[in-house]
Each structure stands twice: as structure tokens, then as C-alpha cells.
Amino acid sequence: MGLGARWSQYDTDHGDGGGLGLGGYGYYYLPGAPRVSLGGYGYVTPDVATSNDLEHSYEYGLRARYQVIDNVEGYVGYRKVKADFENRDERTLDSGPLVGMRLQF
């Protein structure tokens, strides 16, 4: 589990801007399969921490991860990113399944 902040920057047809999101993540390692973990993350960017056209945004996701070797994980999951830009309605910028690798240095 962890809590923290993360900067997100958007350049879209709906507006441009960035902001400092606050949020966290949590994963549970399966006892019978110690290389497999399930969990998710979420970040909310309030209007007081944004720049340019961005008024607020949020992102959340769910993932299943597999530790390939000590510093490499593969994952599958789902994420959704929504943002509200000045003089626009809230828009979904991205949503759907994802597959990836995470390298730790």
C-alpha cells in the first residue's frame, strides 16, 4: 500500500493543462501464488492543484500483476481517466483494458 502525489499533464482536443493528483495504491499478494498480486490505484486532482484549462481530474485502475523476475512485473488491467476542462463538460479521456510491463530501478 502507498499514498502519494503524482503530476498528470493533458494535451487534448477538449483542453490542455496539468495538475498534482493525490491518491494511492494497494496490492494483495496471493498466498498460493506469491508472484501474483491483485489490486488497484486511484488519483484525484482538485482544482486548487491544476494549471491552464484543467479544472479537475481523476484516474483509477485495477490490475493483476505477475513478477517475472526481481525487478520486472507484467500486468493486465483496466483504467479510466476523466478530466474537466474550463468551459467544457467532464470528459472521459481514456478507459479500457491495458497490458504492460513495469521495470524497477
N, C-alpha and C. Protein backbone atom coordinates (compact mmCIF):
# COMPACT_ATOMS: atom_id res chain seq x y z
N MET A 1 0.84 -1.17 0.00
CA MET A 1 0.00 0.00 0.00
C MET A 1 0.88 1.24 0.00
N GLY A 2 0.37 2.28 -0.52
CA GLY A 2 1.11 3.53 -0.53
C GLY A 2 0.21 4.72 -0.82
N LEU A 3 0.61 5.86 -0.33
CA LEU A 3 -0.07 7.12 -0.58
C LEU A 3 0.94 8.09 -1.16
N GLY A 4 0.46 9.00 -1.99
CA GLY A 4 1.39 9.96 -2.55
C GLY A 4 0.74 10.92 -3.53
N ALA A 5 1.59 11.59 -4.27
CA ALA A 5 1.15 12.57 -5.26
C ALA A 5 1.79 12.24 -6.60
N ARG A 6 1.13 12.68 -7.66
CA ARG A 6 1.66 12.44 -9.00
C ARG A 6 1.15 13.54 -9.93
N TRP A 7 2.04 14.02 -10.79
CA TRP A 7 1.69 15.06 -11.76
C TRP A 7 1.16 14.38 -13.03
N SER A 8 0.04 14.89 -13.55
CA SER A 8 -0.51 14.44 -14.83
C SER A 8 -0.64 15.65 -15.74
N GLN A 9 -0.27 15.48 -16.99
CA GLN A 9 -0.33 16.56 -17.97
C GLN A 9 -1.18 16.10 -19.15
N TYR A 10 -2.13 16.93 -19.57
CA TYR A 10 -3.03 16.58 -20.67
C TYR A 10 -2.91 17.60 -21.79
N ASP A 11 -2.93 17.10 -23.02
CA ASP A 11 -2.96 17.91 -24.22
C ASP A 11 -4.00 17.28 -25.13
N THR A 12 -5.24 17.76 -25.04
CA THR A 12 -6.36 17.12 -25.72
C THR A 12 -7.11 18.13 -26.59
N ASP A 13 -8.05 17.62 -27.36
CA ASP A 13 -8.94 18.48 -28.15
C ASP A 13 -9.91 19.24 -27.24
N HIS A 14 -10.10 18.77 -26.02
CA HIS A 14 -11.04 19.39 -25.08
C HIS A 14 -10.39 20.48 -24.24
N GLY A 15 -9.07 20.46 -24.13
CA GLY A 15 -8.35 21.43 -23.33
C GLY A 15 -6.96 20.93 -22.98
N ASP A 16 -6.15 21.82 -22.46
CA ASP A 16 -4.78 21.49 -22.07
C ASP A 16 -4.58 21.88 -20.61
N GLY A 17 -3.68 21.17 -19.96
CA GLY A 17 -3.37 21.53 -18.58
C GLY A 17 -2.85 20.34 -17.81
N GLY A 18 -2.43 20.62 -16.62
CA GLY A 18 -1.90 19.57 -15.75
C GLY A 18 -2.26 19.84 -14.32
N GLY A 19 -1.89 18.89 -13.48
CA GLY A 19 -2.19 19.07 -12.07
C GLY A 19 -1.55 18.01 -11.21
N LEU A 20 -1.46 18.31 -9.93
CA LEU A 20 -0.88 17.41 -8.94
C LEU A 20 -2.00 16.61 -8.29
N GLY A 21 -2.05 15.33 -8.62
CA GLY A 21 -3.08 14.45 -8.08
C GLY A 21 -2.64 13.80 -6.78
N LEU A 22 -3.59 13.59 -5.89
CA LEU A 22 -3.34 12.92 -4.62
C LEU A 22 -4.06 11.59 -4.64
N GLY A 23 -3.41 10.56 -4.14
CA GLY A 23 -4.06 9.25 -4.16
C GLY A 23 -3.17 8.17 -3.60
N GLY A 24 -3.40 6.98 -4.08
CA GLY A 24 -2.61 5.86 -3.58
C GLY A 24 -2.90 4.58 -4.32
N TYR A 25 -2.28 3.50 -3.81
CA TYR A 25 -2.41 2.20 -4.43
C TYR A 25 -2.37 1.13 -3.34
N GLY A 26 -2.84 -0.04 -3.67
CA GLY A 26 -2.78 -1.17 -2.77
C GLY A 26 -2.85 -2.47 -3.55
N TYR A 27 -2.02 -3.44 -3.18
CA TYR A 27 -1.98 -4.74 -3.84
C TYR A 27 -1.92 -5.85 -2.80
N TYR A 28 -2.54 -6.96 -3.12
CA TYR A 28 -2.56 -8.13 -2.25
C TYR A 28 -1.87 -9.28 -2.97
N TYR A 29 -0.83 -9.84 -2.36
CA TYR A 29 -0.12 -10.98 -2.93
C TYR A 29 -0.84 -12.26 -2.54
N LEU A 30 -1.15 -13.09 -3.51
CA LEU A 30 -1.89 -14.33 -3.26
C LEU A 30 -0.99 -15.33 -2.53
N PRO A 31 -1.45 -15.89 -1.40
CA PRO A 31 -0.62 -16.82 -0.62
C PRO A 31 -0.19 -18.06 -1.41
N GLY A 32 -1.07 -18.61 -2.23
CA GLY A 32 -0.74 -19.80 -3.00
C GLY A 32 0.07 -19.52 -4.25
N ALA A 33 0.20 -18.26 -4.62
CA ALA A 33 0.95 -17.86 -5.83
C ALA A 33 1.69 -16.57 -5.49
N PRO A 34 2.84 -16.65 -4.80
CA PRO A 34 3.50 -15.44 -4.29
C PRO A 34 3.99 -14.46 -5.36
N ARG A 35 4.04 -14.86 -6.61
CA ARG A 35 4.45 -13.93 -7.68
C ARG A 35 3.27 -13.15 -8.26
N VAL A 36 2.06 -13.50 -7.84
CA VAL A 36 0.85 -12.87 -8.38
C VAL A 36 0.25 -11.93 -7.34
N SER A 37 -0.13 -10.73 -7.79
CA SER A 37 -0.80 -9.77 -6.89
C SER A 37 -1.99 -9.15 -7.61
N LEU A 38 -2.99 -8.77 -6.82
CA LEU A 38 -4.20 -8.13 -7.32
C LEU A 38 -4.39 -6.83 -6.57
N GLY A 39 -4.81 -5.80 -7.26
CA GLY A 39 -5.04 -4.53 -6.56
C GLY A 39 -5.42 -3.42 -7.50
N GLY A 40 -5.20 -2.21 -7.02
CA GLY A 40 -5.58 -1.07 -7.83
C GLY A 40 -5.00 0.22 -7.29
N TYR A 41 -5.36 1.31 -7.98
CA TYR A 41 -4.85 2.64 -7.63
C TYR A 41 -5.90 3.68 -7.98
N GLY A 42 -5.76 4.85 -7.42
CA GLY A 42 -6.64 5.96 -7.73
C GLY A 42 -5.98 7.28 -7.38
N TYR A 43 -6.19 8.29 -8.22
CA TYR A 43 -5.65 9.63 -8.00
C TYR A 43 -6.70 10.67 -8.36
N VAL A 44 -6.85 11.68 -7.52
CA VAL A 44 -7.79 12.78 -7.74
C VAL A 44 -6.99 14.07 -7.77
N THR A 45 -7.22 14.90 -8.78
CA THR A 45 -6.56 16.19 -8.90
C THR A 45 -7.59 17.29 -8.66
N PRO A 46 -7.56 17.95 -7.50
CA PRO A 46 -8.53 19.01 -7.22
C PRO A 46 -8.20 20.29 -7.97
N ASP A 47 -9.18 21.17 -8.12
CA ASP A 47 -8.98 22.40 -8.90
C ASP A 47 -7.91 23.32 -8.31
N VAL A 48 -7.61 23.23 -7.03
CA VAL A 48 -6.59 24.11 -6.44
C VAL A 48 -5.17 23.69 -6.83
N ALA A 49 -5.03 22.50 -7.45
CA ALA A 49 -3.70 22.00 -7.81
C ALA A 49 -3.54 21.80 -9.31
N THR A 50 -4.24 22.63 -10.11
CA THR A 50 -4.19 22.47 -11.57
C THR A 50 -3.63 23.71 -12.26
N SER A 51 -3.30 23.53 -13.54
CA SER A 51 -2.80 24.65 -14.34
C SER A 51 -3.53 24.69 -15.69
N ASN A 52 -3.42 25.81 -16.36
CA ASN A 52 -4.04 26.06 -17.67
C ASN A 52 -5.54 25.79 -17.63
N ASP A 53 -6.08 25.02 -18.59
CA ASP A 53 -7.52 24.81 -18.72
C ASP A 53 -8.09 23.75 -17.77
N LEU A 54 -7.24 22.94 -17.18
CA LEU A 54 -7.72 21.83 -16.36
C LEU A 54 -8.36 22.35 -15.07
N GLU A 55 -9.60 21.90 -14.80
CA GLU A 55 -10.27 22.27 -13.56
C GLU A 55 -10.14 21.17 -12.51
N HIS A 56 -10.30 19.91 -12.89
CA HIS A 56 -10.04 18.78 -12.01
C HIS A 56 -10.00 17.51 -12.86
N SER A 57 -9.45 16.44 -12.28
CA SER A 57 -9.39 15.17 -13.00
C SER A 57 -9.29 14.03 -11.99
N TYR A 58 -9.54 12.84 -12.49
CA TYR A 58 -9.28 11.66 -11.67
C TYR A 58 -8.95 10.47 -12.57
N GLU A 59 -8.21 9.54 -11.99
CA GLU A 59 -7.82 8.31 -12.67
C GLU A 59 -7.89 7.17 -11.67
N TYR A 60 -8.42 6.05 -12.11
CA TYR A 60 -8.39 4.86 -11.26
C TYR A 60 -8.18 3.64 -12.14
N GLY A 61 -7.68 2.59 -11.53
CA GLY A 61 -7.43 1.37 -12.27
C GLY A 61 -7.35 0.16 -11.38
N LEU A 62 -7.55 -0.99 -11.98
CA LEU A 62 -7.42 -2.29 -11.33
C LEU A 62 -6.41 -3.10 -12.12
N ARG A 63 -5.57 -3.87 -11.42
CA ARG A 63 -4.54 -4.65 -12.11
C ARG A 63 -4.32 -6.01 -11.46
N ALA A 64 -3.95 -6.95 -12.31
CA ALA A 64 -3.40 -8.23 -11.87
C ALA A 64 -1.95 -8.23 -12.34
N ARG A 65 -1.02 -8.46 -11.41
CA ARG A 65 0.40 -8.38 -11.75
C ARG A 65 1.08 -9.73 -11.54
N TYR A 66 2.11 -9.98 -12.33
CA TYR A 66 2.92 -11.18 -12.20
C TYR A 66 4.39 -10.77 -12.18
N GLN A 67 5.11 -11.17 -11.14
CA GLN A 67 6.53 -10.83 -11.02
C GLN A 67 7.35 -11.81 -11.85
N VAL A 68 7.87 -11.34 -12.98
CA VAL A 68 8.64 -12.17 -13.91
C VAL A 68 10.00 -12.49 -13.30
N ILE A 69 10.74 -11.46 -12.91
CA ILE A 69 11.99 -11.58 -12.17
C ILE A 69 11.97 -10.49 -11.09
N ASP A 70 13.02 -10.38 -10.30
CA ASP A 70 13.02 -9.46 -9.16
C ASP A 70 12.59 -8.04 -9.49
N ASN A 71 13.03 -7.47 -10.59
CA ASN A 71 12.75 -6.07 -10.89
C ASN A 71 11.78 -5.86 -12.06
N VAL A 72 11.10 -6.91 -12.49
CA VAL A 72 10.22 -6.80 -13.65
C VAL A 72 8.87 -7.46 -13.35
N GLU A 73 7.79 -6.68 -13.59
CA GLU A 73 6.43 -7.20 -13.44
C GLU A 73 5.67 -7.01 -14.75
N GLY A 74 4.88 -7.99 -15.10
CA GLY A 74 3.92 -7.85 -16.20
C GLY A 74 2.55 -7.66 -15.59
N TYR A 75 1.66 -6.94 -16.26
CA TYR A 75 0.33 -6.73 -15.71
C TYR A 75 -0.73 -6.65 -16.80
N VAL A 76 -1.96 -6.97 -16.40
CA VAL A 76 -3.16 -6.74 -17.20
C VAL A 76 -4.13 -6.01 -16.30
N GLY A 77 -4.97 -5.19 -16.87
CA GLY A 77 -5.89 -4.45 -16.03
C GLY A 77 -6.85 -3.59 -16.81
N TYR A 78 -7.44 -2.67 -16.08
CA TYR A 78 -8.41 -1.72 -16.62
C TYR A 78 -8.13 -0.36 -15.99
N ARG A 79 -8.26 0.71 -16.78
CA ARG A 79 -8.14 2.05 -16.20
C ARG A 79 -9.14 3.01 -16.83
N LYS A 80 -9.42 4.06 -16.07
CA LYS A 80 -10.31 5.12 -16.55
C LYS A 80 -9.73 6.46 -16.13
N VAL A 81 -9.67 7.39 -17.08
CA VAL A 81 -9.17 8.74 -16.83
C VAL A 81 -10.25 9.72 -17.27
N LYS A 82 -10.65 10.60 -16.34
CA LYS A 82 -11.64 11.64 -16.64
C LYS A 82 -11.07 13.00 -16.26
N ALA A 83 -11.43 14.01 -17.02
CA ALA A 83 -10.96 15.37 -16.74
C ALA A 83 -12.05 16.38 -17.09
N ASP A 84 -12.03 17.47 -16.35
CA ASP A 84 -12.95 18.58 -16.59
C ASP A 84 -12.11 19.79 -16.95
N PHE A 85 -12.31 20.32 -18.15
CA PHE A 85 -11.57 21.49 -18.61
C PHE A 85 -12.46 22.72 -18.57
N GLU A 86 -11.85 23.87 -18.48
CA GLU A 86 -12.56 25.15 -18.40
C GLU A 86 -13.57 25.28 -19.55
N ASN A 87 -14.80 25.67 -19.21
CA ASN A 87 -15.88 25.89 -20.18
C ASN A 87 -16.27 24.62 -20.95
N ARG A 88 -16.01 23.45 -20.38
CA ARG A 88 -16.38 22.17 -21.01
C ARG A 88 -17.01 21.26 -19.96
N ASP A 89 -17.72 20.25 -20.41
CA ASP A 89 -18.22 19.23 -19.51
C ASP A 89 -17.10 18.24 -19.21
N GLU A 90 -17.28 17.48 -18.14
CA GLU A 90 -16.30 16.45 -17.80
C GLU A 90 -16.24 15.43 -18.93
N ARG A 91 -15.03 15.04 -19.31
CA ARG A 91 -14.83 14.12 -20.44
C ARG A 91 -14.01 12.91 -20.00
N THR A 92 -14.36 11.76 -20.55
CA THR A 92 -13.53 10.57 -20.37
C THR A 92 -12.42 10.64 -21.40
N LEU A 93 -11.17 10.72 -20.95
CA LEU A 93 -10.03 10.80 -21.86
C LEU A 93 -9.53 9.43 -22.26
N ASP A 94 -9.69 8.45 -21.36
CA ASP A 94 -9.25 7.09 -21.66
C ASP A 94 -9.99 6.13 -20.75
N SER A 95 -10.40 5.00 -21.29
CA SER A 95 -10.96 3.93 -20.48
C SER A 95 -10.83 2.63 -21.26
N GLY A 96 -10.55 1.57 -20.54
CA GLY A 96 -10.47 0.27 -21.20
C GLY A 96 -9.35 -0.58 -20.65
N PRO A 97 -9.19 -1.74 -21.26
CA PRO A 97 -8.17 -2.69 -20.79
C PRO A 97 -6.77 -2.22 -21.15
N LEU A 98 -5.80 -2.71 -20.40
CA LEU A 98 -4.40 -2.40 -20.70
C LEU A 98 -3.52 -3.58 -20.32
N VAL A 99 -2.39 -3.67 -20.98
CA VAL A 99 -1.39 -4.70 -20.75
C VAL A 99 -0.05 -3.99 -20.73
N GLY A 100 0.84 -4.37 -19.82
CA GLY A 100 2.13 -3.68 -19.78
C GLY A 100 3.16 -4.38 -18.94
N MET A 101 4.31 -3.76 -18.88
CA MET A 101 5.44 -4.21 -18.07
C MET A 101 5.89 -3.05 -17.21
N ARG A 102 6.33 -3.37 -16.00
CA ARG A 102 6.85 -2.37 -15.10
C ARG A 102 8.27 -2.77 -14.70
N LEU A 103 9.21 -1.88 -14.94
CA LEU A 103 10.62 -2.11 -14.59
C LEU A 103 10.97 -1.25 -13.39
N GLN A 104 11.60 -1.82 -12.39
CA GLN A 104 12.02 -1.07 -11.21
C GLN A 104 13.53 -0.94 -11.22
N PHE A 105 14.02 0.26 -10.99
CA PHE A 105 15.47 0.51 -10.96
C PHE A 105 15.91 0.83 -9.57
